[in-house]
Amino acid sequence: MPTDFDNRSAAIFGTSEGVTRWPYGLSTPHPRRSGLSSERLAEATAHAETAQKTIVEWAEHHGLRYTSVGCCQLWLLRTTSRRCPDGTCRNNGGLDYVWLDHANGWLKGGRPAALTSAPYSSSYDEENVEIRQCLDSDDRLRVAFGTGWYGHGTTQIALWRTDRITDVSPAPIST
């Protein structure tokens, strides 16, 4: 029987065979297939459950739904959610868009509203060349930095459209 949390997470991420389709980094490790010791499995499971709770509450707070199509700021500037044409995606070439590591797209009212990423560096800010180019490309874009649900020493970067969502903050994982 699905729990309230199962229903809430399914509303944000969708399901496959009745199970929430968590994006990369949010799945609970499988006890037998993970290859982890029982202690490391318990730690990884606890982290996944905390991260899942954090991201569900964050998405609900902002009225957002996940999409696997969201990839870069070009997607975020579209009127509808669709993949970038081959060769145009900023997450697959061009300048050094390493800040888009673990990128996740977020819809509001079915339209691109926010993009979050979790790069393995804490050196990102509004003066980063690639991020500055994003912000300069459209005056509706804003960015915030902080810790996030992904963990593992990553920084969370939240980029959003102010015409679709007023304000977005990173989703800090609570311990």
Protein backbone atom coordinates (compact mmCIF):
# COMPACT_ATOMS: atom_id res chain seq x y z
CA MET A 1 0.00 0.00 0.00
CA PRO A 2 1.57 3.35 -1.03
CA THR A 3 2.32 5.78 1.77
CA ASP A 4 1.55 9.49 1.71
CA PHE A 5 5.21 10.11 0.86
CA ASP A 6 5.04 7.60 -2.03
CA ASN A 7 2.05 9.50 -3.45
CA ARG A 8 3.73 12.88 -3.01
CA SER A 9 6.99 11.75 -4.61
CA ALA A 10 5.12 10.07 -7.49
CA ALA A 11 3.28 13.34 -8.18
CA ILE A 12 6.64 15.10 -8.60
CA PHE A 13 8.76 12.43 -10.30
CA GLY A 14 6.26 10.01 -11.84
CA THR A 15 6.34 6.24 -11.47
CA SER A 16 7.46 3.13 -13.26
CA GLU A 17 5.78 -0.12 -12.28
CA GLY A 18 4.31 1.62 -9.24
CA VAL A 19 7.64 2.87 -7.91
CA THR A 20 8.81 6.51 -7.92
CA ARG A 21 11.20 7.25 -10.81
CA TRP A 22 13.89 9.01 -8.80
CA PRO A 23 16.47 10.88 -10.87
CA TYR A 24 20.14 9.93 -10.69
CA GLY A 25 21.48 10.20 -7.17
CA LEU A 26 18.16 9.83 -5.37
CA SER A 27 17.46 6.10 -5.59
CA THR A 28 17.69 4.01 -2.45
CA PRO A 29 20.49 1.46 -2.95
CA HIS A 30 19.40 -2.13 -3.49
CA PRO A 31 20.65 -4.30 -0.58
CA ARG A 32 21.97 -7.14 -2.74
CA ARG A 33 23.02 -5.31 -5.90
CA SER A 34 24.80 -2.38 -4.25
CA GLY A 35 27.88 -4.33 -3.23
CA LEU A 36 28.08 -2.21 -0.07
CA SER A 37 28.89 -3.50 3.38
CA SER A 38 25.94 -3.48 5.77
CA GLU A 39 27.30 -0.35 7.49
CA ARG A 40 27.85 1.55 4.20
CA LEU A 41 24.46 0.36 2.91
CA ALA A 42 22.77 1.74 6.03
CA GLU A 43 24.58 5.10 5.55
CA ALA A 44 23.73 5.26 1.83
CA THR A 45 20.10 4.33 2.50
CA ALA A 46 19.78 6.97 5.22
CA HIS A 47 21.32 9.59 2.91
CA ALA A 48 18.98 8.62 0.04
CA GLU A 49 15.90 8.78 2.26
CA THR A 50 16.91 12.18 3.65
CA ALA A 51 17.69 13.48 0.15
CA GLN A 52 14.34 12.17 -1.15
CA LYS A 53 12.44 13.88 1.65
CA THR A 54 14.39 17.11 1.11
CA ILE A 55 13.81 17.28 -2.65
CA VAL A 56 10.12 16.36 -2.41
CA GLU A 57 9.51 19.09 0.19
CA TRP A 58 11.55 21.57 -1.89
CA ALA A 59 9.62 20.80 -5.09
CA GLU A 60 6.28 20.98 -3.28
CA HIS A 61 7.22 24.30 -1.68
CA HIS A 62 7.97 25.79 -5.12
CA GLY A 63 5.11 24.03 -6.93
CA LEU A 64 7.52 22.22 -9.27
CA ARG A 65 7.48 18.90 -11.11
CA TYR A 66 10.59 17.08 -12.31
CA THR A 67 11.37 16.48 -15.97
CA SER A 68 14.21 14.40 -17.38
CA VAL A 69 14.24 16.68 -20.43
CA GLY A 70 15.70 19.71 -18.58
CA CYS A 71 19.37 19.93 -19.41
CA CYS A 72 20.70 23.48 -19.75
CA GLN A 73 19.74 27.17 -19.76
CA LEU A 74 18.63 26.90 -23.41
CA TRP A 75 15.95 24.43 -22.28
CA LEU A 76 15.01 26.78 -19.46
CA LEU A 77 14.38 29.62 -21.95
CA ARG A 78 11.95 27.54 -24.04
CA THR A 79 8.19 28.03 -23.95
CA THR A 80 7.61 24.27 -23.84
CA SER A 81 9.63 21.42 -22.36
CA ARG A 82 11.49 19.67 -25.14
CA ARG A 83 15.03 18.42 -25.64
CA CYS A 84 17.66 20.64 -27.18
CA PRO A 85 18.35 19.94 -30.85
CA ASP A 86 21.56 17.97 -31.45
CA GLY A 87 24.66 20.11 -31.08
CA THR A 88 22.98 23.03 -29.30
CA CYS A 89 22.73 21.83 -25.70
CA ARG A 90 25.08 23.68 -23.34
CA ASN A 91 25.32 20.57 -21.18
CA ASN A 92 26.96 18.65 -24.04
CA GLY A 93 29.63 20.94 -25.40
CA GLY A 94 30.52 24.53 -25.98
CA LEU A 95 32.28 26.20 -23.09
CA ASP A 96 33.15 24.42 -19.88
CA TYR A 97 29.67 23.84 -18.49
CA VAL A 98 30.86 21.58 -15.68
CA TRP A 99 28.52 23.50 -13.37
CA LEU A 100 25.66 21.59 -15.04
CA ASP A 101 26.79 18.31 -13.45
CA HIS A 102 23.79 16.32 -12.19
CA ALA A 103 21.39 18.76 -13.90
CA ASN A 104 17.67 18.41 -13.20
CA GLY A 105 14.88 20.25 -14.98
CA TRP A 106 11.82 21.54 -13.15
CA LEU A 107 8.44 22.47 -14.61
CA LYS A 108 5.79 24.80 -13.27
CA GLY A 109 2.44 24.60 -15.01
CA GLY A 110 4.04 22.24 -17.55
CA ARG A 111 6.62 24.83 -18.66
CA PRO A 112 10.37 25.08 -17.92
CA ALA A 113 10.78 27.04 -14.69
CA ALA A 114 14.02 26.00 -12.97
CA LEU A 115 17.19 24.03 -13.43
CA THR A 116 19.26 22.65 -10.58
CA SER A 117 22.72 21.16 -10.73
CA ALA A 118 25.20 19.70 -8.25
CA PRO A 119 28.80 20.14 -9.40
CA TYR A 120 31.69 18.74 -7.34
CA SER A 121 33.10 22.16 -6.54
CA SER A 122 32.33 25.02 -4.22
CA SER A 123 34.00 27.63 -6.41
CA TYR A 124 30.88 28.67 -8.32
CA ASP A 125 29.27 32.06 -7.93
CA GLU A 126 27.57 34.68 -10.10
CA GLU A 127 30.96 35.72 -11.51
CA ASN A 128 31.67 32.31 -13.03
CA VAL A 129 32.03 32.96 -16.79
CA GLU A 130 29.47 30.38 -17.90
CA ILE A 131 26.94 31.30 -15.22
CA ARG A 132 27.41 35.00 -15.93
CA GLN A 133 26.73 34.28 -19.64
CA CYS A 134 23.48 32.55 -18.66
CA LEU A 135 22.36 35.48 -16.52
CA ASP A 136 23.37 38.00 -19.18
CA SER A 137 21.52 36.07 -21.90
CA ASP A 138 18.08 36.81 -20.44
CA ASP A 139 17.05 39.26 -17.72
CA ARG A 140 14.41 36.78 -16.43
CA LEU A 141 17.10 34.38 -15.18
CA ARG A 142 18.32 34.32 -11.58
CA VAL A 143 20.72 32.02 -9.75
CA ALA A 144 21.31 30.88 -6.17
CA PHE A 145 24.10 28.79 -4.66
CA GLY A 146 24.30 26.62 -1.58
CA THR A 147 24.38 23.10 -0.29
CA GLY A 148 21.79 20.76 -1.64
CA TRP A 149 20.09 17.42 -1.52
CA TYR A 150 22.69 15.64 -3.69
CA GLY A 151 25.41 15.81 -1.04
CA HIS A 152 28.79 14.10 -1.55
CA GLY A 153 30.65 17.42 -1.30
CA THR A 154 28.69 19.08 -4.10
CA THR A 155 27.43 22.64 -4.39
CA GLN A 156 23.85 23.13 -5.47
CA ILE A 157 23.16 25.71 -8.14
CA ALA A 158 19.56 26.73 -8.77
CA LEU A 159 18.84 28.70 -11.98
CA TRP A 160 15.27 29.85 -12.56
CA ARG A 161 12.98 32.04 -14.62
CA THR A 162 11.47 34.89 -12.62
CA ASP A 163 8.45 35.09 -14.93
CA ARG A 164 7.46 31.53 -13.96
CA ILE A 165 8.59 31.32 -10.36
CA THR A 166 9.35 34.18 -8.00
CA ASP A 167 12.29 32.84 -6.04
CA VAL A 168 14.13 29.56 -5.73
CA SER A 169 16.68 28.59 -3.16
CA PRO A 170 18.86 25.49 -3.00
CA ALA A 171 17.42 22.49 -1.16
CA PRO A 172 19.80 21.96 1.76
CA ILE A 173 19.83 18.44 3.07
CA SER A 174 18.90 18.24 6.72
CA THR A 175 20.72 15.79 8.91
